[in-house]
Amino acid sequence: MMKKLLYWLLAGWLLGMGVNLSAYASWPFAVAKSVDQASLSQMLHGIVPAVVNVSAQGDIPPNQLPPPVPGRPYPRYFESMGSGVILDAKSGYILTNAHVIRGARSITVTLSDGRVYKATLKGMDPASDIALLVIPPDHLTAIPLGNSDKLKVGEFVAAIGNPFGLSQTVTSGIVSALQRTGLGIEGYENFIQTDAPINPGNSGGALINLQGQLIGINTAILSSNPLNAGNIGIGFAIPINMAYGVMKQLAEYGSVRRGLMGVLVQDLTPALSGALHLPSGTSGALVSQVPTYSPAAAAGIETGDIIESLNGTSIENAGQVKNRVGMLRVGDEVSVKLLRNGKKINTSLKLTDPKQYTQTAERDNPFLYGLVLRDFDQTVAGQGHLVGVEVVNIDEDSMAWHAGIRPGDVISSANQTPIARVAQLQAIAKQSKNELLVNVLSRAGVRFVIIK
């Protein structure tokens, strides 16, 4: 079918270029066009009803209101448009992006047949940009699930959604790349890249394969002009295996209960591989820090180790470690295969709740909201003896995250006052009005960061 489809796509391109194909009736074009149009149309007929329109309405927070313009009233509320996918018809579960419904006080879902429902937010996870909505399970159509781990670059895919409010729009393309990380779009990134046209309003919609199976949730695009965010052939979708894992936790808990492994890792570049005298072809993630209190330390993992696999899945880069661990729950067992000084080492650990070891900043403090902190007092290689407050965990939707604070950072001062305890940081933050200036030690060095 793929071969015929490629013939059909090529024929369409040639026709668009003005080439007369009437003399090529014996070519597979005619057969491919009729067969593939019919099969694709039939497949989409059963899939499109599972993709819905999602509309969110809410109030704009006072600190996010735009500057006043003389003669114009303040916009006090917002309305956003996006897409969603019905994954469980019996439960009325709809998967969408968290950014589509963030801050909403009212969420409306419109089905392909025109029915309109008020949706309930079951739970959301800003770190992975996944949200789970619920509507009455009234004769709904669910989409079949595929296996995104089996995707290959070059496979044909179709995107279904509501770009610019144009409901039930289908576009097509191929898988351009897999496991895209480091884009700074989400806290957990493992994107499918596609050239299937994705535009504003497609967020939360379906990316499907030729079998009509859901293999991704369309999430983001790159645009050459942020003021005119149209498609330029580079779109990203969250793999369904990742999204479905998040959905199961949202359905059960209303949130994602991520466990703590306790390692900071970085990509193993050729330069680092050479400096560490590793065998040619070595791949994995380099362990750059192991806090003494962590499950990783208890399992014997050391700085300088190479993580080659987690739970039997090969690791190629640091982003994969974060994604694999981020999709597991508190209490889950993790088997780890390491390379240390040329020797293979197998160990295992149990993910723990970060709050078990730490203090969490109070919820009424916006500067520290979402931070999990602990007192820090130890000697650091190359830095000497350091005291301060360590960031153990952080909510990827917090002010501190958007300011650039990351797990493993050590805060040594706040508003130019040295600190050594969590309580000191909290007291200074409470007195701050518009912003909090902190001095941070991280893998990138020492820097000042403004949280506001």
Protein backbone atom coordinates (compact mmCIF):
# COMPACT_ATOMS: atom_id res chain seq x y z
CA MET A 1 0.00 0.00 0.00
CA MET A 2 2.87 2.38 0.82
CA LYS A 3 4.39 1.87 -2.62
CA LYS A 4 1.09 2.65 -4.30
CA LEU A 5 0.60 5.67 -2.09
CA LEU A 6 4.03 7.03 -3.02
CA TYR A 7 3.13 6.60 -6.70
CA TRP A 8 -0.08 8.50 -6.07
CA LEU A 9 1.69 11.34 -4.26
CA LEU A 10 4.29 11.58 -7.01
CA ALA A 11 1.56 11.66 -9.64
CA GLY A 12 -0.16 14.50 -7.85
CA TRP A 13 3.09 16.45 -7.75
CA LEU A 14 3.72 15.89 -11.47
CA LEU A 15 0.19 17.00 -12.31
CA GLY A 16 0.74 20.09 -10.22
CA MET A 17 3.87 20.79 -12.27
CA GLY A 18 1.82 20.61 -15.47
CA VAL A 19 3.04 17.20 -16.66
CA ASN A 20 0.51 15.36 -18.88
CA LEU A 21 0.13 11.82 -17.58
CA SER A 22 -2.48 10.69 -20.12
CA ALA A 23 0.16 8.81 -22.08
CA TYR A 24 1.14 6.85 -19.00
CA ALA A 25 -2.12 5.00 -18.41
CA SER A 26 -0.21 1.74 -18.00
CA TRP A 27 1.74 3.21 -15.09
CA PRO A 28 0.63 2.25 -11.56
CA PHE A 29 -0.53 5.84 -11.03
CA ALA A 30 -4.12 5.24 -12.10
CA VAL A 31 -4.48 2.09 -9.99
CA ALA A 32 -2.67 3.62 -7.02
CA LYS A 33 -4.82 6.74 -7.14
CA SER A 34 -8.14 4.89 -7.20
CA VAL A 35 -7.16 2.21 -4.69
CA ASP A 36 -5.43 4.49 -2.19
CA GLN A 37 -8.01 7.25 -2.35
CA ALA A 38 -10.72 4.72 -1.58
CA SER A 39 -8.79 2.97 1.21
CA LEU A 40 -7.63 6.19 2.85
CA SER A 41 -11.10 7.69 2.64
CA GLN A 42 -12.63 4.58 4.18
CA MET A 43 -10.06 4.50 6.98
CA LEU A 44 -10.51 8.19 7.77
CA HIS A 45 -14.30 7.84 7.78
CA GLY A 46 -14.03 5.68 10.90
CA ILE A 47 -11.28 7.76 12.55
CA VAL A 48 -12.31 11.39 12.10
CA PRO A 49 -15.28 11.20 14.57
CA ALA A 50 -12.78 10.38 17.34
CA VAL A 51 -11.10 13.79 16.94
CA VAL A 52 -12.96 16.65 18.63
CA ASN A 53 -12.82 20.41 18.96
CA VAL A 54 -11.78 21.72 22.38
CA SER A 55 -12.62 25.28 23.43
CA ALA A 56 -11.39 26.70 26.74
CA GLN A 57 -12.53 29.91 28.42
CA GLY A 58 -10.98 31.55 31.45
CA ASP A 59 -9.88 34.72 33.21
CA ILE A 60 -6.49 36.24 32.51
CA PRO A 61 -4.44 36.40 35.75
CA PRO A 62 -3.82 40.02 36.86
CA ASN A 63 -0.03 39.61 36.57
CA GLN A 64 -0.41 38.55 32.92
CA LEU A 65 -2.58 41.42 31.73
CA PRO A 66 -1.04 43.38 28.84
CA PRO A 67 0.05 47.01 29.28
CA PRO A 68 -2.87 49.45 29.15
CA VAL A 69 -3.65 51.18 25.86
CA PRO A 70 -5.45 54.55 26.04
CA GLY A 71 -9.05 54.25 24.91
CA ARG A 72 -9.06 50.44 24.95
CA PRO A 73 -10.52 48.28 27.73
CA TYR A 74 -8.45 45.54 29.36
CA PRO A 75 -9.08 42.04 27.99
CA ARG A 76 -10.14 40.31 31.19
CA TYR A 77 -10.70 36.84 29.81
CA PHE A 78 -9.32 34.50 27.17
CA GLU A 79 -10.69 31.84 24.85
CA SER A 80 -8.42 29.25 23.27
CA MET A 81 -9.16 26.69 20.58
CA GLY A 82 -7.58 23.30 20.13
CA SER A 83 -8.25 19.65 19.44
CA GLY A 84 -8.69 16.46 21.39
CA VAL A 85 -8.82 12.71 20.81
CA ILE A 86 -11.34 10.26 22.28
CA LEU A 87 -9.33 7.36 23.70
CA ASP A 88 -11.95 5.60 25.80
CA ALA A 89 -15.54 5.75 24.52
CA LYS A 90 -16.99 3.91 27.55
CA SER A 91 -15.41 6.30 30.06
CA GLY A 92 -15.74 9.43 27.93
CA TYR A 93 -11.98 10.08 28.13
CA ILE A 94 -10.50 12.71 25.81
CA LEU A 95 -6.78 13.38 25.57
CA THR A 96 -5.54 16.87 24.68
CA ASN A 97 -2.62 19.19 25.38
CA ALA A 98 -2.37 20.82 28.79
CA HIS A 99 -1.57 24.18 27.17
CA VAL A 100 -4.92 24.09 25.35
CA ILE A 101 -6.91 24.18 28.59
CA ARG A 102 -4.44 25.79 31.01
CA GLY A 103 -6.17 28.33 33.25
CA ALA A 104 -9.63 27.45 31.94
CA ARG A 105 -12.72 27.81 34.12
CA SER A 106 -14.94 26.34 31.39
CA ILE A 107 -14.11 23.71 28.74
CA THR A 108 -16.39 22.89 25.81
CA VAL A 109 -16.03 19.87 23.54
CA THR A 110 -17.69 19.75 20.12
CA LEU A 111 -17.97 16.38 18.35
CA SER A 112 -17.79 15.82 14.62
CA ASP A 113 -21.58 15.36 14.45
CA GLY A 114 -22.19 18.76 16.05
CA ARG A 115 -22.97 17.61 19.59
CA VAL A 116 -21.61 19.95 22.27
CA TYR A 117 -20.66 18.97 25.84
CA LYS A 118 -19.22 20.72 28.87
CA ALA A 119 -16.07 18.79 29.76
CA THR A 120 -14.64 18.06 33.19
CA LEU A 121 -10.89 18.21 33.72
CA LYS A 122 -9.85 14.85 35.14
CA GLY A 123 -6.23 15.87 35.49
CA MET A 124 -3.34 17.56 33.72
CA ASP A 125 0.43 17.25 33.59
CA PRO A 126 2.14 20.46 32.41
CA ALA A 127 5.54 18.73 32.35
CA SER A 128 4.50 16.46 29.47
CA ASP A 129 1.78 18.86 28.20
CA ILE A 130 -0.96 16.23 28.52
CA ALA A 131 -4.47 16.77 29.92
CA LEU A 132 -7.35 14.34 30.37
CA LEU A 133 -10.94 15.54 29.88
CA VAL A 134 -14.18 13.67 30.55
CA ILE A 135 -17.54 14.02 28.79
CA PRO A 136 -20.69 11.87 29.02
CA PRO A 137 -20.04 8.51 27.27
CA ASP A 138 -22.94 8.97 24.87
CA HIS A 139 -22.36 6.96 21.68
CA LEU A 140 -18.75 8.07 21.31
CA THR A 141 -16.14 6.82 18.82
CA ALA A 142 -12.69 5.99 20.18
CA ILE A 143 -9.54 5.90 18.09
CA PRO A 144 -7.45 2.68 17.94
CA LEU A 145 -4.05 2.89 19.62
CA GLY A 146 -0.82 2.24 17.75
CA ASN A 147 2.70 1.59 19.04
CA SER A 148 4.87 4.69 18.68
CA ASP A 149 7.99 2.72 19.67
CA LYS A 150 7.78 0.92 16.32
CA LEU A 151 7.68 4.08 14.20
CA LYS A 152 10.38 4.58 11.60
CA VAL A 153 11.56 7.70 9.81
CA GLY A 154 9.88 7.97 6.41
CA GLU A 155 6.60 6.32 7.42
CA PHE A 156 3.46 7.99 6.07
CA VAL A 157 1.30 9.74 8.65
CA ALA A 158 -1.77 11.98 8.73
CA ALA A 159 -2.65 14.77 11.16
CA ILE A 160 -6.27 15.38 12.15
CA GLY A 161 -7.46 18.42 14.05
CA ASN A 162 -9.03 21.84 13.98
CA PRO A 163 -6.43 24.29 12.62
CA PHE A 164 -7.60 27.91 12.90
CA GLY A 165 -11.01 26.57 13.95
CA LEU A 166 -11.50 24.62 10.71
CA SER A 167 -12.94 21.43 12.17
CA GLN A 168 -12.08 17.90 11.02
CA THR A 169 -9.11 18.91 8.85
CA VAL A 170 -6.82 16.12 7.60
CA THR A 171 -3.27 16.76 6.38
CA SER A 172 -0.60 14.25 5.41
CA GLY A 173 3.16 13.81 5.37
CA ILE A 174 5.87 11.54 6.71
CA VAL A 175 7.75 10.96 9.95
CA SER A 176 10.72 13.30 9.56
CA ALA A 177 12.61 12.34 12.73
CA LEU A 178 12.16 10.57 16.07
CA GLN A 179 13.14 11.23 19.69
CA ARG A 180 13.53 14.97 19.27
CA THR A 181 14.66 16.43 22.62
CA GLY A 182 16.26 19.61 23.91
CA LEU A 183 13.80 21.92 22.14
CA GLY A 184 12.69 23.66 25.31
CA ILE A 185 9.02 23.17 24.44
CA GLU A 186 8.08 20.83 27.30
CA GLY A 187 9.63 19.52 30.49
CA TYR A 188 9.67 15.99 29.06
CA GLU A 189 10.47 15.84 25.36
CA ASN A 190 10.59 12.80 23.09
CA PHE A 191 8.86 14.25 20.05
CA ILE A 192 7.91 12.71 16.74
CA GLN A 193 8.84 15.25 14.06
CA THR A 194 6.63 15.35 10.98
CA ASP A 195 6.14 17.46 7.88
CA ALA A 196 2.39 16.83 7.89
CA PRO A 197 1.01 20.38 8.07
CA ILE A 198 0.21 21.33 11.68
CA ASN A 199 -1.12 24.78 12.51
CA PRO A 200 -2.55 26.65 15.54
CA GLY A 201 -5.65 24.75 16.61
CA ASN A 202 -4.13 21.35 15.80
CA SER A 203 -2.75 21.09 19.34
CA GLY A 204 -4.18 18.03 21.04
CA GLY A 205 -5.23 16.42 17.75
CA ALA A 206 -4.32 13.04 16.32
CA LEU A 207 -1.28 11.88 14.38
CA ILE A 208 -2.19 8.52 12.79
CA ASN A 209 -0.46 5.87 10.70
CA LEU A 210 -1.70 4.12 7.57
CA GLN A 211 -3.59 1.59 9.69
CA GLY A 212 -5.68 4.36 11.23
CA GLN A 213 -3.98 3.95 14.60
CA LEU A 214 -3.12 6.83 16.91
CA ILE A 215 0.66 7.16 17.18
CA GLY A 216 0.99 10.73 18.49
CA ILE A 217 -0.70 13.83 19.94
CA ASN A 218 0.05 16.90 17.80
CA THR A 219 1.58 19.53 20.06
CA ALA A 220 3.85 22.18 18.55
CA ILE A 221 5.37 23.68 15.43
CA LEU A 222 8.43 25.69 14.54
CA SER A 223 7.67 28.94 12.80
CA SER A 224 9.92 31.40 11.02
CA ASN A 225 7.68 34.24 12.16
CA PRO A 226 6.17 34.04 15.69
CA LEU A 227 3.62 36.71 14.74
CA ASN A 228 2.36 34.54 11.88
CA ALA A 229 2.62 31.04 13.31
CA GLY A 230 1.88 29.11 10.14
CA ASN A 231 3.25 25.75 9.11
CA ILE A 232 6.72 25.51 7.57
CA GLY A 233 6.91 21.73 7.51
CA ILE A 234 8.32 21.14 11.01
CA GLY A 235 5.75 19.92 13.50
CA PHE A 236 6.03 17.86 16.68
CA ALA A 237 3.81 15.25 18.29
CA ILE A 238 4.01 13.52 21.65
CA PRO A 239 4.42 9.73 21.09
CA ILE A 240 1.25 7.93 22.10
CA ASN A 241 3.11 5.42 24.28
CA MET A 242 4.32 8.34 26.39
CA ALA A 243 0.98 10.18 26.32
CA TYR A 244 -1.01 7.06 27.20
CA GLY A 245 1.25 6.35 30.18
CA VAL A 246 0.56 9.84 31.47
CA MET A 247 -3.17 9.42 30.80
CA LYS A 248 -3.36 6.29 32.95
CA GLN A 249 -1.91 8.15 35.92
CA LEU A 250 -4.20 11.13 35.36
CA ALA A 251 -7.20 8.81 35.26
CA GLU A 252 -6.17 7.13 38.50
CA TYR A 253 -4.66 9.97 40.54
CA GLY A 254 -5.55 13.21 38.75
CA SER A 255 -1.84 13.95 38.49
CA VAL A 256 1.42 12.22 37.64
CA ARG A 257 3.25 10.78 40.64
CA ARG A 258 6.81 10.87 39.33
CA GLY A 259 9.47 9.14 41.35
CA LEU A 260 12.99 10.30 42.16
CA MET A 261 15.99 8.38 40.80
CA GLY A 262 18.54 11.00 41.81
CA VAL A 263 21.02 11.39 38.95
CA LEU A 264 22.00 14.32 36.79
CA VAL A 265 23.07 13.19 33.34
CA GLN A 266 24.40 14.73 30.14
CA ASP A 267 24.85 13.61 26.55
CA LEU A 268 27.92 11.52 25.87
CA THR A 269 29.59 13.54 23.11
CA PRO A 270 32.53 12.23 21.02
CA ALA A 271 34.79 14.70 22.86
CA LEU A 272 33.69 13.42 26.28
CA SER A 273 33.97 9.83 25.10
CA GLY A 274 37.56 10.44 24.04
CA ALA A 275 38.45 12.26 27.26
CA LEU A 276 37.03 9.36 29.29
CA HIS A 277 38.95 6.85 27.13
CA LEU A 278 35.79 4.95 26.28
CA PRO A 279 35.75 2.23 23.61
CA SER A 280 34.78 3.38 20.12
CA GLY A 281 31.02 3.23 19.55
CA THR A 282 30.11 3.58 23.23
CA SER A 283 26.66 5.13 23.64
CA GLY A 284 24.58 6.13 26.63
CA ALA A 285 24.17 9.00 29.09
CA LEU A 286 27.02 10.26 31.25
CA VAL A 287 26.27 10.59 34.98
CA SER A 288 27.50 14.02 36.05
CA GLN A 289 26.16 14.13 39.61
CA VAL A 290 24.67 11.72 42.16
CA PRO A 291 23.27 13.35 45.33
CA THR A 292 24.22 11.40 48.44
CA TYR A 293 20.61 11.02 49.62
CA SER A 294 19.28 9.58 46.36
CA PRO A 295 18.16 6.06 45.42
CA ALA A 296 20.85 6.12 42.70
CA ALA A 297 23.56 6.61 45.31
CA ALA A 298 22.15 3.76 47.39
CA ALA A 299 22.23 1.55 44.29
CA GLY A 300 25.94 2.26 43.82
CA ILE A 301 25.71 4.57 40.79
CA GLU A 302 28.69 6.94 40.66
CA THR A 303 29.66 10.13 38.88
CA GLY A 304 31.34 9.22 35.59
CA ASP A 305 29.26 6.08 35.01
CA ILE A 306 27.64 5.59 31.62
CA ILE A 307 23.96 4.59 31.74
CA GLU A 308 23.53 2.16 28.83
CA SER A 309 19.99 0.96 29.50
CA LEU A 310 17.01 1.36 31.83
CA ASN A 311 14.59 -1.53 32.31
CA GLY A 312 16.09 -3.21 29.25
CA THR A 313 15.62 -0.18 26.97
CA SER A 314 18.82 1.14 25.38
CA ILE A 315 19.80 4.70 26.26
CA GLU A 316 21.36 6.93 23.61
CA ASN A 317 21.24 10.36 25.28
CA ALA A 318 20.45 12.23 28.50
CA GLY A 319 16.95 13.16 27.39
CA GLN A 320 15.96 9.50 27.22
CA VAL A 321 16.93 8.98 30.87
CA LYS A 322 14.71 11.85 31.94
CA ASN A 323 11.82 10.66 29.77
CA ARG A 324 12.03 7.01 30.82
CA VAL A 325 12.22 7.80 34.53
CA GLY A 326 9.64 10.58 34.20
CA MET A 327 7.02 8.13 32.96
CA LEU A 328 7.46 5.82 35.98
CA ARG A 329 5.71 6.09 39.33
CA VAL A 330 6.86 6.37 42.91
CA GLY A 331 7.76 2.86 44.07
CA ASP A 332 8.56 1.47 40.61
CA GLU A 333 11.65 -0.72 40.28
CA VAL A 334 14.27 0.32 37.74
CA SER A 335 17.01 -1.98 36.47
CA VAL A 336 20.09 -0.08 35.33
CA LYS A 337 22.93 -1.27 33.10
CA LEU A 338 26.11 0.76 33.56
CA LEU A 339 29.56 1.03 32.04
CA ARG A 340 32.31 1.94 34.52
CA ASN A 341 36.00 1.89 33.67
CA GLY A 342 35.37 -0.57 30.86
CA LYS A 343 33.33 -2.94 33.03
CA LYS A 344 29.62 -3.74 32.72
CA ILE A 345 27.66 -3.28 35.93
CA ASN A 346 24.04 -4.20 36.61
CA THR A 347 22.13 -2.67 39.49
CA SER A 348 18.58 -1.78 40.43
CA LEU A 349 16.78 0.81 42.52
CA LYS A 350 13.30 1.83 43.60
CA LEU A 351 12.02 5.29 42.75
CA THR A 352 11.08 7.28 45.81
CA ASP A 353 8.88 10.29 46.50
CA PRO A 354 11.03 13.46 46.35
CA LYS A 355 9.09 14.90 49.27
CA GLN A 356 10.31 12.03 51.45
CA TYR A 357 13.70 13.72 51.74
CA THR A 358 12.88 17.37 51.39
CA GLN A 359 10.92 20.37 52.36
CA THR A 360 8.45 21.83 49.89
CA ALA A 361 8.05 25.57 49.63
CA GLU A 362 4.65 26.77 50.84
CA ARG A 363 1.93 27.18 48.22
CA ASP A 364 1.21 30.81 49.02
CA ASN A 365 4.70 31.90 47.92
CA PRO A 366 4.64 32.44 44.13
CA PHE A 367 8.42 32.69 43.77
CA LEU A 368 9.05 29.28 45.37
CA TYR A 369 5.83 27.56 44.38
CA GLY A 370 6.52 24.19 42.74
CA LEU A 371 10.05 23.87 44.14
CA VAL A 372 11.13 20.91 46.27
CA LEU A 373 14.10 22.01 48.36
CA ARG A 374 16.64 20.66 50.85
CA ASP A 375 19.46 22.12 52.90
CA PHE A 376 22.81 21.70 51.13
CA ASP A 377 26.11 21.48 53.02
CA GLN A 378 28.85 19.44 51.36
CA THR A 379 32.08 19.51 49.40
CA VAL A 380 31.72 19.65 45.63
CA ALA A 381 34.56 18.60 43.33
CA GLY A 382 36.17 21.67 41.81
CA GLN A 383 34.02 24.04 43.89
CA GLY A 384 35.13 23.43 47.46
CA HIS A 385 32.77 23.39 50.43
CA LEU A 386 29.34 24.81 49.60
CA VAL A 387 26.31 25.66 51.68
CA GLY A 388 22.94 26.74 50.40
CA VAL A 389 19.61 25.30 49.29
CA GLU A 390 19.46 22.54 46.68
CA VAL A 391 16.61 22.21 44.19
CA VAL A 392 15.67 18.52 44.28
CA ASN A 393 12.58 18.73 42.11
CA ILE A 394 10.61 21.44 40.31
CA ASP A 395 7.23 21.89 38.67
CA GLU A 396 7.82 22.60 34.98
CA ASP A 397 4.96 25.11 35.04
CA SER A 398 6.41 27.17 37.89
CA MET A 399 7.89 30.67 37.81
CA ALA A 400 11.27 29.28 38.88
CA TRP A 401 11.31 26.79 36.00
CA HIS A 402 10.59 29.49 33.44
CA ALA A 403 13.39 31.56 34.99
CA GLY A 404 15.84 28.74 34.28
CA ILE A 405 16.06 26.94 37.65
CA ARG A 406 16.60 23.20 37.30
CA PRO A 407 16.92 20.14 39.58
CA GLY A 408 20.41 19.92 41.04
CA ASP A 409 20.89 23.71 41.17
CA VAL A 410 22.15 25.10 44.48
CA ILE A 411 20.89 28.52 45.58
CA SER A 412 23.55 30.30 47.66
CA SER A 413 21.94 33.72 48.09
CA ALA A 414 18.58 35.45 47.77
CA ASN A 415 18.24 39.16 47.17
CA GLN A 416 22.03 39.35 47.72
CA THR A 417 21.77 37.80 51.20
CA PRO A 418 23.74 34.56 51.74
CA ILE A 419 21.54 31.62 52.72
CA ALA A 420 22.30 28.21 54.20
CA ARG A 421 18.84 26.85 55.04
CA VAL A 422 15.48 26.41 53.31
CA ALA A 423 13.82 28.48 56.04
CA GLN A 424 16.08 31.47 55.22
CA LEU A 425 15.16 31.31 51.53
CA GLN A 426 11.47 31.10 52.37
CA ALA A 427 11.66 34.10 54.70
CA ILE A 428 13.38 36.29 52.08
CA ALA A 429 10.97 35.16 49.36
CA LYS A 430 7.99 36.13 51.54
CA GLN A 431 9.31 39.67 51.83
CA SER A 432 9.84 40.03 48.08
CA LYS A 433 7.12 41.82 46.13
CA ASN A 434 7.80 41.85 42.38
CA GLU A 435 10.79 39.55 41.93
CA LEU A 436 13.31 37.34 43.72
CA LEU A 437 17.02 37.58 42.81
CA VAL A 438 18.93 34.36 43.51
CA ASN A 439 22.52 33.30 42.95
CA VAL A 440 22.62 29.78 41.52
CA LEU A 441 25.36 27.21 41.12
CA SER A 442 24.64 24.72 38.33
CA ARG A 443 26.52 22.57 35.84
CA ALA A 444 26.78 25.69 33.64
CA GLY A 445 28.55 27.65 36.40
CA VAL A 446 27.48 30.37 38.81
CA ARG A 447 24.90 32.92 37.71
CA PHE A 448 22.22 35.30 38.96
CA VAL A 449 18.61 34.41 38.15
CA ILE A 450 15.55 36.63 38.51
CA ILE A 451 12.35 34.81 39.44
CA LYS A 452 9.29 36.90 38.62
